[in-house]
C-alpha cells in the first residue's frame, strides 16, 4: 500500500482518520477542530505526517512525528506521537509500513532516534514496536502536568 508524506490537501482525509484515532482514545472532538489542528501542524511545520492509502487511493492510516532534541544525545530526535489504522485497513501490515516510513524519515533527517509511548494494555502495538527494534524503557517514568481542562 502506498505511503506518502502528507500535504495540506490531505487534511480532509487525515481529519477523518484523526477523528477515529481520538474516538479510540475516548477524546472525541468536532471534525472542524480536528481539521484546523492538523492544517496548523502541516502549515507551521510543527509535525510530519505520513498517510497510507489503498490501491484505490482511499486513506486508511497515518503516523505523526514531532521533532525535538534529545539532550542526553545532544542530537535531534522525533516523538512518534500518533499511529492509527482505520479498522478496514487493519491486519494488512499498514501499521508496520507507517512505522517504517517514520523510521526512514528520521534516519534521513539525521535523528538519533524515535520515541513513543503506548497504553499498557496495547499489547498488539507493543508486539509490533518490539518486532521493529523499539526497546521498552525500564529506567524512566513518564509524568504529565495538565495545564488546561
N, C-alpha and C. Protein backbone atom coordinates (compact mmCIF):
# COMPACT_ATOMS: atom_id res chain seq x y z
N UNK A 1 0.85 -1.18 0.00
CA UNK A 1 0.00 0.00 0.00
C UNK A 1 0.89 1.24 0.00
N UNK A 2 0.55 2.23 -0.78
CA UNK A 2 1.38 3.42 -0.86
C UNK A 2 1.37 4.24 0.44
N UNK A 3 2.56 4.66 0.86
CA UNK A 3 2.73 5.56 2.00
C UNK A 3 3.37 6.83 1.45
N UNK A 4 2.82 7.98 1.79
CA UNK A 4 3.40 9.23 1.32
C UNK A 4 3.34 10.27 2.42
N UNK A 5 4.21 11.25 2.29
CA UNK A 5 4.18 12.36 3.24
C UNK A 5 2.93 13.19 2.99
N UNK A 6 2.26 13.56 4.05
CA UNK A 6 1.01 14.31 3.94
C UNK A 6 1.28 15.78 3.62
N UNK A 7 0.35 16.37 2.88
CA UNK A 7 0.38 17.77 2.50
C UNK A 7 -0.95 18.40 2.90
N UNK A 8 -1.04 19.73 2.91
CA UNK A 8 -2.30 20.38 3.29
C UNK A 8 -3.52 19.86 2.54
N UNK A 9 -3.38 19.46 1.29
CA UNK A 9 -4.52 18.93 0.53
C UNK A 9 -5.05 17.63 1.12
N UNK A 10 -4.25 16.95 1.94
CA UNK A 10 -4.67 15.69 2.56
C UNK A 10 -5.47 15.89 3.84
N UNK A 11 -5.57 17.12 4.32
CA UNK A 11 -6.20 17.37 5.62
C UNK A 11 -7.61 16.81 5.73
N UNK A 12 -8.50 16.96 4.75
CA UNK A 12 -9.84 16.40 4.93
C UNK A 12 -9.84 14.90 5.23
N UNK A 13 -9.03 14.13 4.50
CA UNK A 13 -8.97 12.69 4.75
C UNK A 13 -8.25 12.39 6.06
N UNK A 14 -7.18 13.13 6.33
CA UNK A 14 -6.46 12.94 7.59
C UNK A 14 -7.35 13.24 8.78
N UNK A 15 -8.17 14.28 8.66
CA UNK A 15 -9.05 14.67 9.76
C UNK A 15 -10.04 13.55 10.08
N UNK A 16 -10.57 12.89 9.07
CA UNK A 16 -11.48 11.77 9.31
C UNK A 16 -10.76 10.65 10.08
N UNK A 17 -9.53 10.34 9.66
CA UNK A 17 -8.76 9.31 10.34
C UNK A 17 -8.40 9.74 11.76
N UNK A 18 -7.98 11.00 11.90
CA UNK A 18 -7.57 11.50 13.22
C UNK A 18 -8.76 11.52 14.18
N UNK A 19 -9.94 11.83 13.66
CA UNK A 19 -11.15 11.78 14.49
C UNK A 19 -11.39 10.36 14.99
N UNK A 20 -11.16 9.37 14.13
CA UNK A 20 -11.27 7.97 14.55
C UNK A 20 -10.25 7.62 15.62
N UNK A 21 -9.05 8.15 15.47
CA UNK A 21 -7.99 7.95 16.46
C UNK A 21 -8.41 8.54 17.81
N UNK A 22 -8.92 9.78 17.79
CA UNK A 22 -9.37 10.41 19.02
C UNK A 22 -10.53 9.65 19.65
N UNK A 23 -11.45 9.17 18.83
CA UNK A 23 -12.56 8.37 19.34
C UNK A 23 -12.05 7.11 20.02
N UNK A 24 -11.04 6.48 19.43
CA UNK A 24 -10.45 5.26 20.01
C UNK A 24 -9.95 5.53 21.42
N UNK A 25 -9.36 6.71 21.63
CA UNK A 25 -8.85 7.08 22.96
C UNK A 25 -9.89 7.81 23.80
N UNK A 26 -11.12 7.81 23.35
CA UNK A 26 -12.26 8.37 24.06
C UNK A 26 -12.10 9.86 24.37
N UNK A 27 -11.56 10.59 23.39
CA UNK A 27 -11.46 12.05 23.47
C UNK A 27 -11.98 12.65 22.16
N UNK A 28 -13.26 12.41 21.85
CA UNK A 28 -13.80 12.90 20.57
C UNK A 28 -13.77 14.42 20.49
N UNK A 29 -13.54 14.91 19.29
CA UNK A 29 -13.54 16.35 19.01
C UNK A 29 -14.31 16.59 17.73
N UNK A 30 -14.89 17.77 17.58
CA UNK A 30 -15.61 18.09 16.34
C UNK A 30 -14.64 18.08 15.14
N UNK A 31 -15.13 17.59 14.02
CA UNK A 31 -14.30 17.48 12.82
C UNK A 31 -13.66 18.81 12.40
N UNK A 32 -14.37 19.95 12.46
CA UNK A 32 -13.71 21.22 12.10
C UNK A 32 -12.51 21.54 13.00
N UNK A 33 -12.61 21.19 14.27
CA UNK A 33 -11.50 21.42 15.20
C UNK A 33 -10.32 20.52 14.86
N UNK A 34 -10.61 19.28 14.53
CA UNK A 34 -9.57 18.32 14.13
C UNK A 34 -8.88 18.81 12.86
N UNK A 35 -9.67 19.23 11.89
CA UNK A 35 -9.12 19.73 10.62
C UNK A 35 -8.21 20.93 10.85
N UNK A 36 -8.65 21.86 11.68
CA UNK A 36 -7.86 23.06 11.95
C UNK A 36 -6.55 22.70 12.65
N UNK A 37 -6.61 21.75 13.57
CA UNK A 37 -5.40 21.31 14.28
C UNK A 37 -4.38 20.73 13.30
N UNK A 38 -4.84 19.82 12.45
CA UNK A 38 -3.92 19.18 11.50
C UNK A 38 -3.39 20.17 10.47
N UNK A 39 -4.26 21.03 9.98
CA UNK A 39 -3.82 22.03 9.00
C UNK A 39 -2.74 22.92 9.60
N UNK A 40 -2.92 23.32 10.86
CA UNK A 40 -1.92 24.16 11.52
C UNK A 40 -0.59 23.43 11.67
N UNK A 41 -0.64 22.15 12.03
CA UNK A 41 0.62 21.39 12.18
C UNK A 41 1.38 21.35 10.86
N UNK A 42 0.66 21.09 9.78
CA UNK A 42 1.31 21.00 8.47
C UNK A 42 1.81 22.36 7.98
N UNK A 43 0.98 23.39 8.14
CA UNK A 43 1.35 24.72 7.65
C UNK A 43 2.55 25.28 8.40
N UNK A 44 2.62 25.02 9.71
CA UNK A 44 3.71 25.55 10.53
C UNK A 44 4.94 24.65 10.53
N UNK A 45 4.79 23.46 10.01
CA UNK A 45 5.90 22.52 10.04
C UNK A 45 6.17 21.97 11.43
N UNK A 46 5.15 22.02 12.30
CA UNK A 46 5.29 21.50 13.66
C UNK A 46 5.45 20.00 13.70
N UNK A 47 4.86 19.33 12.73
CA UNK A 47 4.91 17.87 12.72
C UNK A 47 5.06 17.38 11.28
N UNK A 48 5.38 16.12 11.19
CA UNK A 48 5.47 15.43 9.90
C UNK A 48 4.45 14.31 9.95
N UNK A 49 3.59 14.25 8.95
CA UNK A 49 2.58 13.20 8.88
C UNK A 49 2.80 12.37 7.62
N UNK A 50 2.63 11.07 7.77
CA UNK A 50 2.63 10.16 6.64
C UNK A 50 1.26 9.51 6.59
N UNK A 51 0.76 9.32 5.38
CA UNK A 51 -0.57 8.76 5.17
C UNK A 51 -0.46 7.50 4.33
N UNK A 52 -1.22 6.49 4.72
CA UNK A 52 -1.26 5.22 3.98
C UNK A 52 -2.57 5.16 3.21
N UNK A 53 -2.47 4.74 1.96
CA UNK A 53 -3.65 4.63 1.10
C UNK A 53 -3.71 3.23 0.50
N UNK A 54 -4.92 2.80 0.19
CA UNK A 54 -5.05 1.53 -0.53
C UNK A 54 -4.83 1.79 -2.02
N UNK A 55 -4.91 0.74 -2.81
CA UNK A 55 -4.64 0.88 -4.25
C UNK A 55 -5.62 1.81 -4.95
N UNK A 56 -6.81 1.97 -4.38
CA UNK A 56 -7.80 2.87 -4.96
C UNK A 56 -7.62 4.32 -4.50
N UNK A 57 -6.65 4.55 -3.62
CA UNK A 57 -6.39 5.90 -3.15
C UNK A 57 -7.10 6.28 -1.86
N UNK A 58 -7.83 5.34 -1.27
CA UNK A 58 -8.55 5.59 -0.03
C UNK A 58 -7.57 5.66 1.14
N UNK A 59 -7.64 6.73 1.94
CA UNK A 59 -6.78 6.89 3.11
C UNK A 59 -7.19 5.90 4.19
N UNK A 60 -6.22 5.13 4.68
CA UNK A 60 -6.51 4.09 5.67
C UNK A 60 -5.75 4.25 6.97
N UNK A 61 -4.72 5.08 7.01
CA UNK A 61 -3.96 5.22 8.24
C UNK A 61 -2.97 6.36 8.16
N UNK A 62 -2.40 6.70 9.32
CA UNK A 62 -1.42 7.77 9.37
C UNK A 62 -0.48 7.56 10.56
N UNK A 63 0.64 8.23 10.48
CA UNK A 63 1.57 8.34 11.60
C UNK A 63 1.99 9.80 11.67
N UNK A 64 2.12 10.33 12.89
CA UNK A 64 2.51 11.73 13.08
C UNK A 64 3.75 11.80 13.96
N UNK A 65 4.73 12.55 13.49
CA UNK A 65 6.00 12.73 14.19
C UNK A 65 6.18 14.19 14.58
N UNK A 66 6.68 14.41 15.79
CA UNK A 66 7.04 15.76 16.23
C UNK A 66 8.54 15.79 16.48
N UNK A 67 9.24 16.76 15.90
CA UNK A 67 10.68 16.86 16.16
C UNK A 67 10.96 17.43 17.55
N UNK A 68 12.05 16.96 18.14
CA UNK A 68 12.54 17.53 19.40
C UNK A 68 14.04 17.26 19.48
N UNK A 69 14.67 17.75 20.53
CA UNK A 69 16.09 17.47 20.73
C UNK A 69 16.25 16.55 21.93
N UNK A 70 17.02 15.51 21.74
CA UNK A 70 17.34 14.56 22.81
C UNK A 70 18.60 15.09 23.49
N UNK A 71 18.43 15.76 24.60
CA UNK A 71 19.54 16.45 25.25
C UNK A 71 20.68 15.52 25.64
N UNK A 72 20.37 14.33 26.13
CA UNK A 72 21.43 13.41 26.54
C UNK A 72 22.26 12.93 25.36
N UNK A 73 21.69 12.98 24.18
CA UNK A 73 22.42 12.61 22.96
C UNK A 73 22.94 13.84 22.22
N UNK A 74 22.48 15.01 22.67
CA UNK A 74 22.80 16.29 22.02
C UNK A 74 22.56 16.19 20.52
N UNK A 75 21.37 15.69 20.18
CA UNK A 75 21.03 15.47 18.78
C UNK A 75 19.52 15.56 18.59
N UNK A 76 19.08 15.81 17.36
CA UNK A 76 17.65 15.82 17.08
C UNK A 76 17.07 14.41 17.14
N UNK A 77 15.78 14.36 17.44
CA UNK A 77 15.05 13.09 17.50
C UNK A 77 13.60 13.39 17.12
N UNK A 78 12.79 12.35 17.08
CA UNK A 78 11.37 12.52 16.79
C UNK A 78 10.53 11.78 17.82
N UNK A 79 9.44 12.42 18.21
CA UNK A 79 8.41 11.77 19.01
C UNK A 79 7.39 11.20 18.04
N UNK A 80 7.25 9.89 18.05
CA UNK A 80 6.21 9.25 17.25
C UNK A 80 4.95 9.34 18.10
N UNK A 81 4.20 10.39 17.88
CA UNK A 81 3.09 10.74 18.76
C UNK A 81 1.83 9.95 18.46
N UNK A 82 1.52 9.76 17.19
CA UNK A 82 0.23 9.19 16.81
C UNK A 82 0.39 8.19 15.68
N UNK A 83 -0.23 7.04 15.87
CA UNK A 83 -0.27 6.00 14.84
C UNK A 83 -1.68 5.44 14.84
N UNK A 84 -2.29 5.41 13.66
CA UNK A 84 -3.67 4.91 13.59
C UNK A 84 -3.91 4.28 12.23
N UNK A 85 -4.58 3.14 12.25
CA UNK A 85 -5.05 2.49 11.03
C UNK A 85 -6.55 2.27 11.19
N UNK A 86 -7.31 2.71 10.21
CA UNK A 86 -8.76 2.52 10.21
C UNK A 86 -9.07 1.03 10.31
N UNK A 87 -10.14 0.65 11.01
CA UNK A 87 -10.46 -0.78 11.15
C UNK A 87 -10.50 -1.55 9.84
N UNK A 88 -10.91 -0.91 8.74
CA UNK A 88 -10.97 -1.63 7.46
C UNK A 88 -9.58 -1.90 6.88
N UNK A 89 -8.56 -1.22 7.41
CA UNK A 89 -7.21 -1.41 6.90
C UNK A 89 -6.31 -2.24 7.79
N UNK A 90 -6.86 -2.74 8.88
CA UNK A 90 -6.04 -3.49 9.84
C UNK A 90 -5.75 -4.90 9.35
N UNK A 91 -4.71 -5.47 9.93
CA UNK A 91 -4.25 -6.84 9.61
C UNK A 91 -3.74 -6.96 8.18
N UNK A 92 -3.22 -5.84 7.65
CA UNK A 92 -2.65 -5.83 6.30
C UNK A 92 -1.22 -5.32 6.31
N UNK A 93 -0.67 -5.10 7.50
CA UNK A 93 0.70 -4.62 7.61
C UNK A 93 0.86 -3.12 7.49
N UNK A 94 -0.25 -2.37 7.51
CA UNK A 94 -0.16 -0.92 7.34
C UNK A 94 0.55 -0.24 8.50
N UNK A 95 0.27 -0.67 9.72
CA UNK A 95 0.93 -0.04 10.87
C UNK A 95 2.45 -0.21 10.76
N UNK A 96 2.88 -1.39 10.37
CA UNK A 96 4.32 -1.63 10.21
C UNK A 96 4.89 -0.75 9.09
N UNK A 97 4.17 -0.63 7.99
CA UNK A 97 4.63 0.22 6.89
C UNK A 97 4.73 1.69 7.33
N UNK A 98 3.75 2.14 8.09
CA UNK A 98 3.79 3.52 8.59
C UNK A 98 4.96 3.72 9.55
N UNK A 99 5.18 2.74 10.42
CA UNK A 99 6.31 2.81 11.35
C UNK A 99 7.63 2.84 10.58
N UNK A 100 7.73 2.05 9.53
CA UNK A 100 8.95 2.04 8.72
C UNK A 100 9.16 3.36 7.99
N UNK A 101 8.07 3.98 7.54
CA UNK A 101 8.17 5.30 6.90
C UNK A 101 8.66 6.33 7.91
N UNK A 102 8.17 6.24 9.14
CA UNK A 102 8.62 7.15 10.19
C UNK A 102 10.11 6.97 10.45
N UNK A 103 10.54 5.73 10.53
CA UNK A 103 11.96 5.45 10.76
C UNK A 103 12.82 5.98 9.61
N UNK A 104 12.40 5.72 8.39
CA UNK A 104 13.16 6.18 7.23
C UNK A 104 13.29 7.71 7.23
N UNK A 105 12.19 8.39 7.58
CA UNK A 105 12.24 9.85 7.64
C UNK A 105 13.20 10.32 8.73
N UNK A 106 13.12 9.69 9.89
CA UNK A 106 14.00 10.08 11.00
C UNK A 106 15.47 9.85 10.62
N UNK A 107 15.75 8.72 10.01
CA UNK A 107 17.13 8.43 9.60
C UNK A 107 17.61 9.43 8.56
N UNK A 108 16.77 9.73 7.58
CA UNK A 108 17.15 10.68 6.53
C UNK A 108 17.34 12.08 7.09
N UNK A 109 16.67 12.38 8.20
CA UNK A 109 16.78 13.70 8.82
C UNK A 109 17.97 13.80 9.76
N UNK A 110 18.68 12.70 9.96
CA UNK A 110 19.82 12.70 10.87
C UNK A 110 19.44 12.60 12.33
N UNK A 111 18.24 12.14 12.62
CA UNK A 111 17.79 12.00 14.00
C UNK A 111 18.53 10.85 14.69
N UNK A 112 18.68 10.99 16.00
CA UNK A 112 19.36 9.94 16.76
C UNK A 112 18.40 8.85 17.21
N UNK A 113 17.09 9.09 17.09
CA UNK A 113 16.14 8.07 17.50
C UNK A 113 14.70 8.52 17.38
N UNK A 114 13.83 7.57 17.65
CA UNK A 114 12.39 7.78 17.70
C UNK A 114 11.91 7.36 19.08
N UNK A 115 11.03 8.17 19.65
CA UNK A 115 10.47 7.86 20.96
C UNK A 115 8.96 7.75 20.82
N UNK A 116 8.37 6.81 21.53
CA UNK A 116 6.91 6.71 21.54
C UNK A 116 6.46 6.22 22.90
N UNK A 117 5.19 6.42 23.17
CA UNK A 117 4.57 5.84 24.35
C UNK A 117 3.27 5.20 23.91
N UNK A 118 2.86 4.20 24.64
CA UNK A 118 1.63 3.49 24.30
C UNK A 118 0.93 3.05 25.57
N UNK A 119 -0.33 2.75 25.45
CA UNK A 119 -1.10 2.28 26.60
C UNK A 119 -0.56 0.93 27.07
N UNK A 120 -0.59 0.72 28.37
CA UNK A 120 -0.09 -0.54 28.93
C UNK A 120 -0.85 -1.74 28.40
N UNK A 121 -2.12 -1.54 28.04
CA UNK A 121 -2.92 -2.67 27.55
C UNK A 121 -2.89 -2.81 26.03
N UNK A 122 -2.10 -2.00 25.34
CA UNK A 122 -1.98 -2.09 23.88
C UNK A 122 -0.94 -3.16 23.52
N UNK A 123 -1.31 -4.40 23.75
CA UNK A 123 -0.36 -5.50 23.56
C UNK A 123 0.00 -5.70 22.09
N UNK A 124 -0.95 -5.49 21.19
CA UNK A 124 -0.65 -5.63 19.76
C UNK A 124 0.37 -4.58 19.33
N UNK A 125 0.18 -3.35 19.78
CA UNK A 125 1.13 -2.29 19.46
C UNK A 125 2.50 -2.59 20.03
N UNK A 126 2.54 -3.03 21.28
CA UNK A 126 3.82 -3.34 21.92
C UNK A 126 4.56 -4.44 21.16
N UNK A 127 3.83 -5.43 20.71
CA UNK A 127 4.46 -6.52 19.95
C UNK A 127 5.06 -5.99 18.65
N UNK A 128 4.33 -5.10 17.98
CA UNK A 128 4.84 -4.51 16.74
C UNK A 128 6.09 -3.68 17.02
N UNK A 129 6.03 -2.83 18.03
CA UNK A 129 7.17 -1.95 18.32
C UNK A 129 8.41 -2.78 18.63
N UNK A 130 8.24 -3.82 19.43
CA UNK A 130 9.39 -4.65 19.78
C UNK A 130 9.90 -5.43 18.57
N UNK A 131 8.99 -5.86 17.71
CA UNK A 131 9.40 -6.54 16.47
C UNK A 131 10.27 -5.62 15.62
N UNK A 132 9.97 -4.32 15.65
CA UNK A 132 10.69 -3.34 14.83
C UNK A 132 11.95 -2.80 15.52
N UNK A 133 12.27 -3.34 16.69
CA UNK A 133 13.51 -2.96 17.36
C UNK A 133 13.38 -1.92 18.45
N UNK A 134 12.18 -1.45 18.73
CA UNK A 134 12.00 -0.50 19.82
C UNK A 134 12.20 -1.24 21.14
N UNK A 135 12.81 -0.54 22.09
CA UNK A 135 13.11 -1.13 23.40
C UNK A 135 12.29 -0.39 24.45
N UNK A 136 11.58 -1.16 25.27
CA UNK A 136 10.78 -0.56 26.34
C UNK A 136 11.70 0.06 27.38
N UNK A 137 11.41 1.29 27.76
CA UNK A 137 12.21 1.99 28.76
C UNK A 137 11.83 1.46 30.14
N UNK A 138 12.78 0.88 30.82
CA UNK A 138 12.56 0.36 32.18
C UNK A 138 13.24 1.26 33.21
N UNK A 139 13.82 2.38 32.76
CA UNK A 139 14.59 3.24 33.65
C UNK A 139 13.82 4.49 34.06
N UNK A 140 13.11 5.09 33.09
CA UNK A 140 12.46 6.37 33.34
C UNK A 140 10.94 6.22 33.42
N UNK A 141 10.33 7.02 34.29
CA UNK A 141 8.88 7.14 34.35
C UNK A 141 8.47 8.35 33.53
N UNK A 142 7.27 8.32 33.00
CA UNK A 142 6.70 9.46 32.29
C UNK A 142 5.72 10.16 33.23
N UNK A 143 5.83 11.47 33.32
CA UNK A 143 4.92 12.27 34.14
C UNK A 143 4.22 13.28 33.23
N UNK A 144 3.06 13.72 33.67
CA UNK A 144 2.27 14.69 32.91
C UNK A 144 1.71 15.71 33.88
N UNK A 145 1.84 16.99 33.56
CA UNK A 145 1.24 18.07 34.32
C UNK A 145 0.23 18.75 33.43
N UNK A 146 -1.05 18.52 33.68
CA UNK A 146 -2.10 19.14 32.88
C UNK A 146 -2.23 20.61 33.23
N UNK A 147 -2.25 21.46 32.21
CA UNK A 147 -2.32 22.90 32.44
C UNK A 147 -3.63 23.52 31.98
N UNK A 148 -4.43 22.76 31.25
CA UNK A 148 -5.74 23.25 30.78
C UNK A 148 -6.76 22.14 30.99
N UNK A 149 -8.01 22.53 31.17
CA UNK A 149 -9.05 21.48 31.27
C UNK A 149 -9.27 20.77 29.96
